[in-house]
């Protein structure tokens, strides 16, 4: 390991120590054999607030069959809509949900 890399790590640690725990925001994804970012199909059940919706996981079956809902509803953020305005997606729309850190996110155009 070269001295520049060690110096960069020390600078990052010093910055984190100065900023305090309330300003720390970390996101990570596991990249290894058998690991990965969790992703599944969901159906929008209702609008919660702004660009946040209640969604339920669905199992995609044979061609021409209706997806079957399973599990409990969770809240997820639609990245295709503004974080400041009210969301406009209708219940019943399907999307692909990604679990990133502690957040559920999806991208569905209104």
N, C-alpha and C. Protein backbone atom coordinates (compact mmCIF):
# COMPACT_ATOMS: atom_id res chain seq x y z
N UNK A 1 0.85 -1.18 0.00
CA UNK A 1 0.00 0.00 0.00
C UNK A 1 0.89 1.24 0.00
N UNK A 2 0.64 2.16 -0.91
CA UNK A 2 1.50 3.33 -0.98
C UNK A 2 1.07 4.38 0.06
N UNK A 3 1.96 5.33 0.31
CA UNK A 3 1.71 6.35 1.33
C UNK A 3 0.53 7.24 0.99
N UNK A 4 0.29 7.48 -0.30
CA UNK A 4 -0.84 8.33 -0.71
C UNK A 4 -2.16 7.70 -0.29
N UNK A 5 -2.30 6.37 -0.49
CA UNK A 5 -3.53 5.67 -0.13
C UNK A 5 -3.77 5.76 1.38
N UNK A 6 -2.71 5.57 2.17
CA UNK A 6 -2.83 5.65 3.63
C UNK A 6 -3.24 7.06 4.04
N UNK A 7 -2.64 8.06 3.42
CA UNK A 7 -2.98 9.45 3.72
C UNK A 7 -4.44 9.74 3.37
N UNK A 8 -4.91 9.23 2.23
CA UNK A 8 -6.31 9.42 1.84
C UNK A 8 -7.26 8.79 2.85
N UNK A 9 -6.93 7.59 3.33
CA UNK A 9 -7.76 6.92 4.33
C UNK A 9 -7.79 7.71 5.63
N UNK A 10 -6.65 8.22 6.02
CA UNK A 10 -6.58 9.01 7.25
C UNK A 10 -7.41 10.28 7.11
N UNK A 11 -7.40 10.90 5.94
CA UNK A 11 -8.18 12.12 5.70
C UNK A 11 -9.68 11.81 5.79
N UNK A 12 -10.11 10.68 5.21
CA UNK A 12 -11.52 10.28 5.26
C UNK A 12 -11.94 10.06 6.71
N UNK A 13 -11.12 9.36 7.48
CA UNK A 13 -11.44 9.11 8.89
C UNK A 13 -11.50 10.41 9.68
N UNK A 14 -10.59 11.32 9.42
CA UNK A 14 -10.60 12.61 10.11
C UNK A 14 -11.85 13.41 9.76
N UNK A 15 -12.24 13.41 8.48
CA UNK A 15 -13.46 14.11 8.07
C UNK A 15 -14.69 13.52 8.74
N UNK A 16 -14.77 12.19 8.82
CA UNK A 16 -15.91 11.54 9.46
C UNK A 16 -15.97 11.88 10.95
N UNK A 17 -14.81 11.93 11.60
CA UNK A 17 -14.77 12.25 13.03
C UNK A 17 -15.23 13.67 13.29
N UNK A 18 -14.85 14.61 12.42
CA UNK A 18 -15.26 16.01 12.59
C UNK A 18 -16.75 16.22 12.32
N UNK A 19 -17.32 15.47 11.37
CA UNK A 19 -18.71 15.71 10.98
C UNK A 19 -19.72 15.18 12.00
N UNK A 20 -19.32 14.24 12.85
CA UNK A 20 -20.22 13.71 13.85
C UNK A 20 -21.14 12.64 13.28
N UNK A 21 -21.72 11.83 14.16
CA UNK A 21 -22.54 10.70 13.70
C UNK A 21 -23.85 11.10 13.02
N UNK A 22 -24.40 12.27 13.32
CA UNK A 22 -25.67 12.69 12.73
C UNK A 22 -25.56 12.98 11.23
N UNK A 23 -24.36 13.22 10.72
CA UNK A 23 -24.17 13.54 9.31
C UNK A 23 -23.65 12.37 8.48
N UNK A 24 -23.51 11.22 9.09
CA UNK A 24 -22.98 10.06 8.36
C UNK A 24 -24.10 9.38 7.59
N UNK A 25 -23.86 9.20 6.32
CA UNK A 25 -24.80 8.49 5.46
C UNK A 25 -23.98 7.51 4.63
N UNK A 26 -24.25 6.24 4.83
CA UNK A 26 -23.49 5.23 4.12
C UNK A 26 -24.42 4.35 3.32
N UNK A 27 -23.98 3.97 2.15
CA UNK A 27 -24.70 3.02 1.31
C UNK A 27 -23.69 2.00 0.83
N UNK A 28 -24.08 0.75 0.89
CA UNK A 28 -23.17 -0.28 0.42
C UNK A 28 -23.96 -1.36 -0.29
N UNK A 29 -23.30 -2.05 -1.16
CA UNK A 29 -23.90 -3.19 -1.85
C UNK A 29 -22.92 -4.35 -1.76
N UNK A 30 -23.41 -5.51 -1.45
CA UNK A 30 -22.58 -6.70 -1.33
C UNK A 30 -22.34 -7.28 -2.71
N UNK A 31 -21.09 -7.37 -3.08
CA UNK A 31 -20.73 -7.95 -4.38
C UNK A 31 -19.80 -9.13 -4.10
N UNK A 32 -20.37 -10.32 -4.13
CA UNK A 32 -19.59 -11.52 -3.90
C UNK A 32 -20.37 -12.71 -4.44
N UNK A 33 -19.73 -13.86 -4.59
CA UNK A 33 -20.46 -15.03 -5.07
C UNK A 33 -21.63 -15.34 -4.14
N UNK A 34 -22.82 -15.45 -4.71
CA UNK A 34 -24.00 -15.75 -3.91
C UNK A 34 -24.63 -14.53 -3.28
N UNK A 35 -24.00 -13.39 -3.40
CA UNK A 35 -24.53 -12.17 -2.80
C UNK A 35 -25.00 -11.23 -3.87
N UNK A 36 -25.53 -10.11 -3.46
CA UNK A 36 -25.95 -9.11 -4.43
C UNK A 36 -27.02 -8.21 -3.87
N UNK A 37 -27.47 -7.31 -4.68
CA UNK A 37 -28.51 -6.39 -4.29
C UNK A 37 -29.85 -7.11 -4.45
N UNK A 38 -30.69 -7.02 -3.43
CA UNK A 38 -31.98 -7.70 -3.49
C UNK A 38 -32.93 -6.93 -4.40
N UNK A 39 -33.56 -7.66 -5.31
CA UNK A 39 -34.47 -7.07 -6.28
C UNK A 39 -35.64 -8.01 -6.47
N UNK A 40 -36.85 -7.45 -6.57
CA UNK A 40 -38.02 -8.26 -6.84
C UNK A 40 -39.12 -7.43 -7.47
N UNK A 41 -40.11 -8.11 -8.05
CA UNK A 41 -41.24 -7.44 -8.67
C UNK A 41 -42.25 -7.06 -7.59
N UNK A 42 -42.87 -5.88 -7.74
CA UNK A 42 -43.87 -5.41 -6.78
C UNK A 42 -45.07 -4.81 -7.51
N UNK A 43 -46.16 -4.71 -6.78
CA UNK A 43 -47.38 -4.06 -7.27
C UNK A 43 -47.66 -2.90 -6.34
N UNK A 44 -47.92 -1.73 -6.92
CA UNK A 44 -48.23 -0.56 -6.10
C UNK A 44 -49.63 -0.71 -5.53
N UNK A 45 -49.73 -0.59 -4.20
CA UNK A 45 -51.02 -0.75 -3.51
C UNK A 45 -51.67 0.59 -3.21
N UNK A 46 -50.89 1.57 -2.78
CA UNK A 46 -51.46 2.89 -2.45
C UNK A 46 -50.36 3.94 -2.37
N UNK A 47 -50.78 5.19 -2.38
CA UNK A 47 -49.89 6.34 -2.26
C UNK A 47 -49.74 6.66 -0.78
N UNK A 48 -48.52 6.91 -0.31
CA UNK A 48 -48.28 7.23 1.10
C UNK A 48 -48.09 8.73 1.25
N UNK A 49 -47.05 9.28 0.65
CA UNK A 49 -46.77 10.71 0.74
C UNK A 49 -45.69 11.06 -0.28
N UNK A 50 -45.86 12.21 -0.94
CA UNK A 50 -44.92 12.68 -1.96
C UNK A 50 -44.63 11.57 -2.97
N UNK A 51 -43.38 11.08 -3.08
CA UNK A 51 -43.06 10.03 -4.04
C UNK A 51 -42.87 8.67 -3.35
N UNK A 52 -43.55 8.48 -2.23
CA UNK A 52 -43.47 7.24 -1.46
C UNK A 52 -44.79 6.48 -1.60
N UNK A 53 -44.68 5.18 -1.83
CA UNK A 53 -45.86 4.33 -2.06
C UNK A 53 -45.78 3.08 -1.19
N UNK A 54 -46.95 2.49 -0.90
CA UNK A 54 -47.02 1.18 -0.28
C UNK A 54 -47.03 0.17 -1.43
N UNK A 55 -46.15 -0.81 -1.37
CA UNK A 55 -46.05 -1.81 -2.42
C UNK A 55 -46.08 -3.21 -1.80
N UNK A 56 -46.42 -4.19 -2.61
CA UNK A 56 -46.45 -5.58 -2.16
C UNK A 56 -45.70 -6.43 -3.19
N UNK A 57 -44.90 -7.35 -2.72
CA UNK A 57 -44.14 -8.23 -3.63
C UNK A 57 -45.11 -9.14 -4.39
N UNK A 58 -44.74 -9.46 -5.62
CA UNK A 58 -45.55 -10.36 -6.45
C UNK A 58 -44.65 -11.45 -7.04
N UNK A 59 -45.27 -12.60 -7.24
CA UNK A 59 -44.58 -13.72 -7.89
C UNK A 59 -45.11 -13.80 -9.32
N UNK A 60 -44.20 -13.74 -10.27
CA UNK A 60 -44.56 -13.82 -11.68
C UNK A 60 -44.67 -15.30 -12.04
N UNK A 61 -45.81 -15.69 -12.58
CA UNK A 61 -46.04 -17.09 -12.93
C UNK A 61 -45.88 -17.35 -14.41
N UNK A 62 -46.66 -18.29 -14.91
CA UNK A 62 -46.64 -18.66 -16.32
C UNK A 62 -47.10 -17.49 -17.19
N UNK A 63 -46.73 -17.51 -18.43
CA UNK A 63 -47.14 -16.49 -19.38
C UNK A 63 -48.66 -16.42 -19.44
N UNK A 64 -49.20 -15.24 -19.32
CA UNK A 64 -50.64 -15.05 -19.38
C UNK A 64 -51.33 -15.15 -18.04
N UNK A 65 -50.61 -15.52 -16.98
CA UNK A 65 -51.23 -15.60 -15.65
C UNK A 65 -51.02 -14.30 -14.89
N UNK A 66 -51.93 -14.02 -13.98
CA UNK A 66 -51.86 -12.80 -13.17
C UNK A 66 -50.84 -13.01 -12.06
N UNK A 67 -49.93 -12.05 -11.83
CA UNK A 67 -48.96 -12.17 -10.74
C UNK A 67 -49.68 -12.32 -9.39
N UNK A 68 -49.11 -13.14 -8.52
CA UNK A 68 -49.70 -13.42 -7.21
C UNK A 68 -48.96 -12.61 -6.15
N UNK A 69 -49.73 -11.85 -5.35
CA UNK A 69 -49.14 -11.06 -4.27
C UNK A 69 -48.76 -11.97 -3.11
N UNK A 70 -47.66 -11.63 -2.43
CA UNK A 70 -47.28 -12.36 -1.22
C UNK A 70 -46.53 -11.43 -0.29
N UNK A 71 -46.50 -11.78 0.98
CA UNK A 71 -45.78 -10.98 1.96
C UNK A 71 -46.56 -9.75 2.38
N UNK A 72 -45.93 -8.96 3.22
CA UNK A 72 -46.53 -7.74 3.74
C UNK A 72 -46.18 -6.54 2.87
N UNK A 73 -47.00 -5.51 2.97
CA UNK A 73 -46.72 -4.27 2.24
C UNK A 73 -45.54 -3.57 2.89
N UNK A 74 -44.74 -2.92 2.05
CA UNK A 74 -43.62 -2.10 2.53
C UNK A 74 -43.70 -0.76 1.82
N UNK A 75 -43.03 0.23 2.36
CA UNK A 75 -42.97 1.54 1.71
C UNK A 75 -41.75 1.58 0.80
N UNK A 76 -41.93 2.23 -0.35
CA UNK A 76 -40.84 2.35 -1.32
C UNK A 76 -40.92 3.72 -1.99
N UNK A 77 -39.77 4.24 -2.37
CA UNK A 77 -39.66 5.56 -2.99
C UNK A 77 -39.53 5.41 -4.49
N UNK A 78 -40.35 6.16 -5.23
CA UNK A 78 -40.28 6.17 -6.69
C UNK A 78 -39.28 7.24 -7.13
N UNK A 79 -38.17 6.81 -7.68
CA UNK A 79 -37.12 7.74 -8.09
C UNK A 79 -37.46 8.50 -9.37
N UNK A 80 -38.52 8.11 -10.07
CA UNK A 80 -38.91 8.79 -11.30
C UNK A 80 -39.74 10.04 -11.02
N UNK A 81 -40.16 10.23 -9.78
CA UNK A 81 -40.97 11.40 -9.43
C UNK A 81 -40.19 12.33 -8.51
N UNK A 82 -40.60 13.58 -8.49
CA UNK A 82 -39.95 14.59 -7.67
C UNK A 82 -40.09 14.25 -6.18
N UNK A 83 -39.04 14.53 -5.43
CA UNK A 83 -39.09 14.34 -3.99
C UNK A 83 -39.90 15.45 -3.33
N UNK A 84 -40.19 16.53 -4.06
CA UNK A 84 -40.90 17.67 -3.50
C UNK A 84 -42.39 17.69 -3.82
N UNK A 85 -42.79 17.07 -4.92
CA UNK A 85 -44.19 17.09 -5.33
C UNK A 85 -44.92 15.82 -4.91
N UNK A 86 -46.25 15.85 -5.07
CA UNK A 86 -47.05 14.67 -4.76
C UNK A 86 -46.98 13.66 -5.90
N UNK A 87 -46.87 12.40 -5.55
CA UNK A 87 -46.80 11.32 -6.53
C UNK A 87 -48.13 11.13 -7.23
N UNK A 88 -48.09 10.59 -8.44
CA UNK A 88 -49.31 10.44 -9.24
C UNK A 88 -49.53 9.02 -9.76
N UNK A 89 -48.76 8.04 -9.28
CA UNK A 89 -48.94 6.67 -9.75
C UNK A 89 -50.24 6.08 -9.21
N UNK A 90 -50.91 5.32 -10.04
CA UNK A 90 -52.17 4.67 -9.64
C UNK A 90 -51.88 3.30 -9.03
N UNK A 91 -52.72 2.88 -8.08
CA UNK A 91 -52.58 1.52 -7.55
C UNK A 91 -52.73 0.50 -8.70
N UNK A 92 -52.03 -0.61 -8.59
CA UNK A 92 -52.12 -1.65 -9.60
C UNK A 92 -50.97 -1.67 -10.58
N UNK A 93 -50.13 -0.65 -10.57
CA UNK A 93 -48.98 -0.60 -11.47
C UNK A 93 -47.88 -1.52 -10.93
N UNK A 94 -47.20 -2.22 -11.82
CA UNK A 94 -46.12 -3.11 -11.43
C UNK A 94 -44.78 -2.42 -11.66
N UNK A 95 -43.80 -2.76 -10.83
CA UNK A 95 -42.46 -2.18 -10.93
C UNK A 95 -41.44 -3.19 -10.41
N UNK A 96 -40.18 -2.88 -10.61
CA UNK A 96 -39.10 -3.68 -10.05
C UNK A 96 -38.51 -2.89 -8.90
N UNK A 97 -38.51 -3.48 -7.72
CA UNK A 97 -38.05 -2.81 -6.50
C UNK A 97 -36.63 -3.27 -6.18
N UNK A 98 -35.81 -2.35 -5.71
CA UNK A 98 -34.44 -2.64 -5.29
C UNK A 98 -34.29 -2.26 -3.83
N UNK A 99 -33.66 -3.09 -3.07
CA UNK A 99 -33.37 -2.79 -1.67
C UNK A 99 -31.95 -2.28 -1.63
N UNK A 100 -31.77 -0.99 -1.33
CA UNK A 100 -30.45 -0.36 -1.28
C UNK A 100 -30.21 0.14 0.13
N UNK A 101 -29.33 -0.51 0.85
CA UNK A 101 -29.10 -0.14 2.24
C UNK A 101 -30.36 -0.39 3.04
N UNK A 102 -30.91 0.65 3.62
CA UNK A 102 -32.14 0.53 4.40
C UNK A 102 -33.35 1.06 3.64
N UNK A 103 -33.22 1.35 2.36
CA UNK A 103 -34.30 1.94 1.58
C UNK A 103 -34.76 1.02 0.47
N UNK A 104 -36.07 1.05 0.21
CA UNK A 104 -36.66 0.38 -0.94
C UNK A 104 -36.88 1.44 -2.00
N UNK A 105 -36.40 1.21 -3.22
CA UNK A 105 -36.57 2.18 -4.28
C UNK A 105 -37.03 1.47 -5.56
N UNK A 106 -37.76 2.21 -6.40
CA UNK A 106 -38.14 1.70 -7.71
C UNK A 106 -38.23 2.89 -8.65
N UNK A 107 -38.33 2.62 -9.94
CA UNK A 107 -38.41 3.68 -10.95
C UNK A 107 -39.58 3.36 -11.85
N UNK A 108 -40.67 4.12 -11.72
CA UNK A 108 -41.84 3.93 -12.56
C UNK A 108 -42.34 5.29 -13.01
N UNK A 109 -42.43 5.49 -14.31
CA UNK A 109 -42.90 6.78 -14.83
C UNK A 109 -44.39 6.92 -14.64
N UNK A 110 -44.84 8.11 -14.22
CA UNK A 110 -46.29 8.35 -14.04
C UNK A 110 -47.01 8.37 -15.37
